Amino acid sequence: MNYDIFNGDADGIISLLQLRLANPVESKLVTGVKRDIGLLGKLTEKVGLSKTDKITVLDISMEKNQTGLVKVLDAGVDVFYADHHRAGEIPTSKHLDAHIDLDADTCTALIIDKLLDGQFHYWAITAAYGDNLIAKGDKLSNLAGLSVELSEQLKELGTLINYNGYGAIVEDLHFHPAVLYTALLKYASPFDVIADNSSPFYRLQNAYQEDMASALAIKPDHQSDKLSIFELPNEPWARRISGVYGNQLANQNPKSAHAVLTENRDGTYTVSLRAPLSNKQGAGDICSQFETGGGRAAAAGINALSKEQIGDFIKAVEAFY
């Protein structure tokens, strides 16, 4: 059995999309909302794996999946692993094919793009845009000879796929990430998605515009020259928009860090932190100081931050930047 394990955001979906367009195989899809990253451990808890199985893991932190990874490697299962998040100690095993790049200007889909020699390069550019690597996406679009209009189309599609991944539970999302991946797999080019009026692009476009309008009406709860914090309510629209809203805020004011706090059902907050675009480092390290936090240098998050910890979070961010 083949198992494809991937993050439910644009980078995870498009990473797998490129691999399976290049090498179609029947597989069991394992994914979830963007913050559901302990996916390898969940698989090992539910499934008895054998040496004939093959596992592909894309765009989830190896550090957060160490226990599950070691378990499957010790069982003799071959694992292909590509990611750009905190890796921790990479196991030494003949069964592990690891492609880890922690550079703040890359994403997993760009790692896959290199491995495939740019076979589905437009999809990789779309993923870069979706992961808020706007300058990188613009550079790649320019090198690919795309017009501004076409690069803006890829930027919008990437943003919409990424937007769909945010939510506390899959019921918050417009498409389960596995369903969205499967729907997109029939398109060799992202431009084919946009050309098809029945594709997920148009449903996501309308929903995104509605949710973003609600977010833009929110005033900041904290604002300094180093950090702006926006608090969103415990509503499905707020959980959906939190990440891409944080990206938009970062793009509007590149010299400041931004955090979007979305209230959880238990009174804690889900945090999306964006490092200043002029200093894309530290976000993962800051969030990792808190029990449920993690991420990468430019963008990170905390799954459950108590109200009492907000002051500590502000101090940590402003001390770093």
Protein backbone atom coordinates (compact mmCIF):
# COMPACT_ATOMS: atom_id res chain seq x y z
CA MET A 1 0.00 0.00 0.00
CA ASN A 2 1.15 3.54 -0.77
CA TYR A 3 0.39 6.25 1.77
CA ASP A 4 0.54 9.92 0.75
CA ILE A 5 0.73 12.11 3.86
CA PHE A 6 0.54 15.85 3.25
CA ASN A 7 -0.31 19.17 4.82
CA GLY A 8 -3.78 20.41 3.90
CA ASP A 9 -2.55 23.82 2.72
CA ALA A 10 -1.49 24.99 -0.75
CA ASP A 11 2.12 23.87 -0.34
CA GLY A 12 1.22 20.37 0.83
CA ILE A 13 -1.49 19.81 -1.77
CA ILE A 14 0.57 21.14 -4.68
CA SER A 15 3.67 19.23 -3.60
CA LEU A 16 1.75 15.98 -3.87
CA LEU A 17 0.01 17.17 -7.02
CA GLN A 18 3.35 17.54 -8.80
CA LEU A 19 4.58 14.13 -7.63
CA ARG A 20 1.45 12.31 -8.69
CA LEU A 21 1.12 14.09 -12.02
CA ALA A 22 4.67 12.90 -12.72
CA ASN A 23 4.25 9.46 -11.15
CA PRO A 24 0.62 8.35 -10.77
CA VAL A 25 0.07 5.66 -8.15
CA GLU A 26 -2.90 4.45 -6.16
CA SER A 27 -2.51 5.62 -2.59
CA LYS A 28 -4.25 6.21 0.70
CA LEU A 29 -4.46 9.96 1.33
CA VAL A 30 -3.69 11.16 4.87
CA THR A 31 -4.25 14.87 5.52
CA GLY A 32 -6.33 17.36 7.48
CA VAL A 33 -6.62 21.02 8.33
CA LYS A 34 -3.40 23.02 7.98
CA ARG A 35 -2.52 22.81 11.68
CA ASP A 36 -3.06 19.06 11.83
CA ILE A 37 0.61 18.17 11.37
CA GLY A 38 1.10 15.08 13.56
CA LEU A 39 -0.11 12.97 10.67
CA LEU A 40 2.57 10.30 10.58
CA GLY A 41 1.95 9.38 14.21
CA LYS A 42 -1.78 9.14 13.58
CA LEU A 43 -1.16 6.76 10.68
CA THR A 44 1.03 4.43 12.75
CA GLU A 45 -1.59 4.36 15.50
CA LYS A 46 -4.35 3.26 13.12
CA VAL A 47 -2.61 1.09 10.55
CA GLY A 48 -0.35 -1.94 10.85
CA LEU A 49 2.39 -1.25 8.30
CA SER A 50 4.49 -3.83 6.46
CA LYS A 51 7.83 -3.67 4.65
CA THR A 52 6.04 -3.66 1.30
CA ASP A 53 4.32 -0.37 2.13
CA LYS A 54 5.70 2.96 0.90
CA ILE A 55 5.10 6.31 2.59
CA THR A 56 5.42 9.79 1.10
CA VAL A 57 5.42 12.68 3.60
CA LEU A 58 5.11 16.26 2.40
CA ASP A 59 5.14 19.64 4.13
CA ILE A 60 4.82 18.58 7.75
CA SER A 61 7.57 19.14 10.31
CA MET A 62 9.84 16.16 10.81
CA GLU A 63 10.48 17.41 14.32
CA LYS A 64 6.77 17.07 15.13
CA ASN A 65 6.63 13.59 13.57
CA GLN A 66 9.84 12.08 14.95
CA THR A 67 8.16 9.29 16.93
CA GLY A 68 6.05 8.08 14.03
CA LEU A 69 8.94 8.39 11.58
CA VAL A 70 11.33 6.35 13.70
CA LYS A 71 8.64 3.73 14.22
CA VAL A 72 8.02 3.17 10.49
CA LEU A 73 11.73 3.25 9.64
CA ASP A 74 12.45 0.64 12.33
CA ALA A 75 9.71 -1.48 10.76
CA GLY A 76 11.60 -1.39 7.45
CA VAL A 77 9.12 0.85 5.62
CA ASP A 78 10.55 3.09 2.89
CA VAL A 79 9.80 6.79 3.46
CA PHE A 80 10.19 9.71 1.06
CA TYR A 81 10.13 12.92 3.10
CA ALA A 82 10.21 16.49 1.74
CA ASP A 83 9.69 19.57 3.90
CA HIS A 84 10.87 23.08 4.82
CA HIS A 85 9.82 23.27 8.48
CA ARG A 86 11.86 22.58 11.63
CA ALA A 87 13.32 19.11 11.19
CA GLY A 88 14.99 18.34 14.50
CA GLU A 89 17.37 15.39 14.24
CA ILE A 90 17.03 13.65 10.89
CA PRO A 91 17.18 9.86 11.43
CA THR A 92 19.92 7.89 9.69
CA SER A 93 18.27 5.02 7.86
CA LYS A 94 18.59 3.29 4.49
CA HIS A 95 14.79 3.43 4.35
CA LEU A 96 14.63 7.27 4.53
CA ASP A 97 14.93 9.50 1.47
CA ALA A 98 14.85 12.97 3.03
CA HIS A 99 14.81 16.31 1.22
CA ILE A 100 14.79 19.04 3.87
CA ASP A 101 15.48 22.71 3.09
CA LEU A 102 14.91 25.25 5.87
CA ASP A 103 15.62 28.33 3.74
CA ALA A 104 13.01 31.02 4.45
CA ASP A 105 12.58 31.62 0.70
CA THR A 106 11.59 28.11 -0.25
CA CYS A 107 8.63 25.79 0.29
CA THR A 108 8.06 22.07 -0.12
CA ALA A 109 6.56 22.44 -3.60
CA LEU A 110 9.72 24.20 -4.77
CA ILE A 111 11.79 21.33 -3.35
CA ILE A 112 9.66 18.92 -5.37
CA ASP A 113 9.91 21.21 -8.40
CA LYS A 114 13.71 20.85 -8.34
CA LEU A 115 13.49 17.06 -7.99
CA LEU A 116 11.18 16.94 -11.02
CA ASP A 117 13.34 19.35 -13.05
CA GLY A 118 10.49 21.85 -13.32
CA GLN A 119 8.09 19.43 -15.00
CA PHE A 120 5.08 21.20 -13.45
CA HIS A 121 6.74 24.52 -12.77
CA TYR A 122 3.58 26.64 -12.95
CA TRP A 123 2.10 24.56 -10.14
CA ALA A 124 5.25 25.14 -8.06
CA ILE A 125 4.97 28.90 -8.61
CA THR A 126 1.33 28.71 -7.50
CA ALA A 127 2.40 26.98 -4.28
CA ALA A 128 5.06 29.62 -3.61
CA TYR A 129 2.43 32.32 -3.88
CA GLY A 130 0.08 30.29 -1.67
CA ASP A 131 2.80 30.01 0.99
CA ASN A 132 3.12 33.82 0.87
CA LEU A 133 6.51 33.73 -0.84
CA ILE A 134 5.32 36.62 -2.99
CA ALA A 135 8.73 37.99 -4.00
CA LYS A 136 9.90 34.46 -4.83
CA GLY A 137 6.74 33.81 -6.83
CA ASP A 138 7.16 37.06 -8.75
CA LYS A 139 10.79 36.23 -9.52
CA LEU A 140 9.94 32.73 -10.72
CA SER A 141 7.03 34.04 -12.80
CA ASN A 142 9.30 36.61 -14.42
CA LEU A 143 11.97 34.00 -15.17
CA ALA A 144 9.26 31.78 -16.66
CA GLY A 145 8.21 34.61 -18.99
CA LEU A 146 4.74 35.03 -17.51
CA SER A 147 2.94 38.33 -17.88
CA VAL A 148 1.86 40.26 -14.79
CA GLU A 149 -1.73 39.21 -15.50
CA LEU A 150 -0.85 35.50 -15.59
CA SER A 151 1.32 35.69 -12.48
CA GLU A 152 -1.57 37.39 -10.65
CA GLN A 153 -3.80 34.47 -11.65
CA LEU A 154 -1.35 32.01 -10.09
CA LYS A 155 -1.11 34.19 -6.99
CA GLU A 156 -4.88 34.19 -6.55
CA LEU A 157 -5.20 30.44 -7.07
CA GLY A 158 -2.39 29.73 -4.60
CA THR A 159 -3.95 32.03 -2.04
CA LEU A 160 -7.35 30.37 -2.42
CA ILE A 161 -5.98 26.83 -2.05
CA ASN A 162 -4.10 27.95 1.06
CA TYR A 163 -7.19 29.70 2.43
CA ASN A 164 -9.13 26.45 2.21
CA GLY A 165 -6.71 24.73 4.61
CA TYR A 166 -7.41 26.92 7.63
CA GLY A 167 -9.91 25.83 10.25
CA ALA A 168 -10.09 24.14 13.61
CA ILE A 169 -11.81 21.10 12.09
CA VAL A 170 -12.38 19.94 8.52
CA GLU A 171 -16.03 20.94 8.84
CA ASP A 172 -14.85 24.58 8.89
CA LEU A 173 -13.39 24.14 5.41
CA HIS A 174 -15.12 24.46 2.07
CA PHE A 175 -13.35 21.33 0.79
CA HIS A 176 -11.68 18.54 2.73
CA PRO A 177 -8.01 18.86 1.63
CA ALA A 178 -8.04 15.33 0.22
CA VAL A 179 -11.13 16.18 -1.83
CA LEU A 180 -9.57 19.42 -3.07
CA TYR A 181 -6.34 17.61 -3.99
CA THR A 182 -8.29 14.96 -5.91
CA ALA A 183 -10.30 17.63 -7.74
CA LEU A 184 -7.13 19.49 -8.77
CA LEU A 185 -5.27 16.35 -9.84
CA LYS A 186 -7.09 16.31 -13.18
CA TYR A 187 -5.47 19.61 -14.19
CA ALA A 188 -1.92 19.44 -15.57
CA SER A 189 -1.65 23.23 -15.33
CA PRO A 190 -3.05 25.72 -12.82
CA PHE A 191 -4.23 27.80 -15.74
CA ASP A 192 -6.54 24.90 -16.68
CA VAL A 193 -8.16 25.19 -13.24
CA ILE A 194 -8.92 28.87 -13.78
CA ALA A 195 -10.20 28.22 -17.31
CA ASP A 196 -12.74 25.67 -16.03
CA ASN A 197 -15.83 27.46 -14.69
CA SER A 198 -16.83 24.33 -12.76
CA SER A 199 -13.50 24.01 -10.92
CA PRO A 200 -13.08 24.67 -7.16
CA PHE A 201 -11.44 28.00 -7.99
CA TYR A 202 -14.71 29.89 -8.31
CA ARG A 203 -16.38 28.53 -5.18
CA LEU A 204 -13.27 29.39 -3.17
CA GLN A 205 -13.00 32.82 -4.78
CA ASN A 206 -16.51 33.84 -3.72
CA ALA A 207 -16.11 32.45 -0.19
CA TYR A 208 -12.72 34.12 0.27
CA GLN A 209 -14.07 37.52 -0.66
CA GLU A 210 -16.88 37.22 1.88
CA ASP A 211 -14.61 36.08 4.71
CA MET A 212 -11.93 38.68 3.99
CA ALA A 213 -14.51 41.48 4.07
CA SER A 214 -15.46 40.39 7.59
CA ALA A 215 -11.81 40.31 8.69
CA LEU A 216 -11.01 43.73 7.29
CA ALA A 217 -13.67 45.25 9.56
CA ILE A 218 -11.66 44.17 12.66
CA LYS A 219 -9.52 46.80 14.44
CA PRO A 220 -6.14 45.86 16.01
CA ASP A 221 -6.09 44.91 19.71
CA HIS A 222 -2.41 45.74 20.02
CA GLN A 223 -0.25 47.85 17.77
CA SER A 224 3.37 48.97 18.05
CA ASP A 225 6.18 49.57 15.60
CA LYS A 226 7.18 45.90 16.01
CA LEU A 227 3.89 44.02 16.25
CA SER A 228 0.21 44.32 15.38
CA ILE A 229 -2.33 41.87 16.82
CA PHE A 230 -5.82 41.30 15.47
CA GLU A 231 -8.32 39.19 17.41
CA LEU A 232 -10.99 37.29 15.50
CA PRO A 233 -14.10 35.68 17.01
CA ASN A 234 -14.91 32.00 17.45
CA GLU A 235 -16.65 31.70 14.09
CA PRO A 236 -16.01 29.41 11.09
CA TRP A 237 -15.31 32.37 8.78
CA ALA A 238 -12.67 33.68 11.20
CA ARG A 239 -10.93 30.30 11.44
CA ARG A 240 -10.91 30.02 7.65
CA ILE A 241 -9.48 33.47 6.95
CA SER A 242 -6.93 33.70 9.77
CA GLY A 243 -3.85 32.55 7.88
CA VAL A 244 -4.31 34.36 4.58
CA TYR A 245 -5.45 37.45 6.49
CA GLY A 246 -2.15 37.34 8.38
CA ASN A 247 -0.32 37.08 5.06
CA GLN A 248 -2.16 40.12 3.72
CA LEU A 249 -1.32 42.15 6.81
CA ALA A 250 2.35 41.18 6.47
CA ASN A 251 2.41 42.22 2.84
CA GLN A 252 0.84 45.60 3.64
CA ASN A 253 3.39 46.47 6.36
CA PRO A 254 6.61 44.49 5.68
CA LYS A 255 8.63 46.07 8.52
CA SER A 256 6.35 44.79 11.31
CA ALA A 257 5.41 41.39 12.68
CA HIS A 258 1.71 40.51 12.65
CA ALA A 259 -0.34 38.05 14.67
CA VAL A 260 -3.92 36.97 14.11
CA LEU A 261 -5.55 35.45 17.22
CA THR A 262 -8.68 33.43 16.60
CA GLU A 263 -10.71 32.46 19.66
CA ASN A 264 -11.11 28.72 20.21
CA ARG A 265 -14.16 27.01 21.72
CA ASP A 266 -12.38 26.57 25.06
CA GLY A 267 -11.44 30.26 25.37
CA THR A 268 -7.84 29.84 24.23
CA TYR A 269 -6.57 31.33 20.98
CA THR A 270 -5.17 29.90 17.78
CA VAL A 271 -2.29 32.16 16.76
CA SER A 272 -0.96 32.83 13.26
CA LEU A 273 2.31 34.75 13.47
CA ARG A 274 4.04 36.34 10.48
CA ALA A 275 7.58 37.63 10.79
CA PRO A 276 8.31 41.00 9.17
CA LEU A 277 8.86 40.45 5.46
CA SER A 278 11.96 42.61 5.79
CA ASN A 279 13.32 40.20 8.43
CA LYS A 280 11.91 36.75 7.72
CA GLN A 281 13.24 34.88 10.71
CA GLY A 282 12.29 33.87 14.23
CA ALA A 283 8.57 33.12 13.93
CA GLY A 284 9.03 29.38 14.45
CA ASP A 285 11.43 29.88 17.34
CA ILE A 286 9.06 32.32 19.05
CA CYS A 287 6.01 30.09 18.72
CA SER A 288 7.96 27.02 19.81
CA GLN A 289 8.45 28.68 23.21
CA PHE A 290 4.76 27.91 23.82
CA GLU A 291 3.53 24.36 24.36
CA THR A 292 1.41 23.98 21.22
CA GLY A 293 3.52 26.21 18.98
CA GLY A 294 5.80 25.63 16.02
CA GLY A 295 6.40 26.52 12.40
CA ARG A 296 9.08 27.97 10.19
CA ALA A 297 11.21 31.11 10.23
CA ALA A 298 8.84 33.37 8.31
CA ALA A 299 5.48 32.05 9.49
CA ALA A 300 4.43 30.01 12.50
CA GLY A 301 1.56 29.43 14.88
CA ILE A 302 0.29 28.30 18.26
CA ASN A 303 -2.72 26.01 18.47
CA ALA A 304 -3.84 26.97 22.00
CA LEU A 305 -2.60 30.18 23.66
CA SER A 306 -4.38 31.11 26.89
CA LYS A 307 -5.53 34.67 27.51
CA GLU A 308 -3.05 34.84 30.38
CA GLN A 309 -0.20 34.09 27.96
CA ILE A 310 -0.98 36.87 25.46
CA GLY A 311 1.23 39.32 27.36
CA ASP A 312 4.11 36.83 27.33
CA PHE A 313 3.58 36.28 23.61
CA ILE A 314 3.73 40.02 22.91
CA LYS A 315 6.92 40.35 24.97
CA ALA A 316 8.52 37.41 23.13
CA VAL A 317 7.73 38.83 19.69
CA GLU A 318 8.77 42.41 20.47
CA ALA A 319 11.96 41.26 22.22
CA PHE A 320 12.98 39.27 19.16
CA TYR A 321 12.34 41.97 16.57
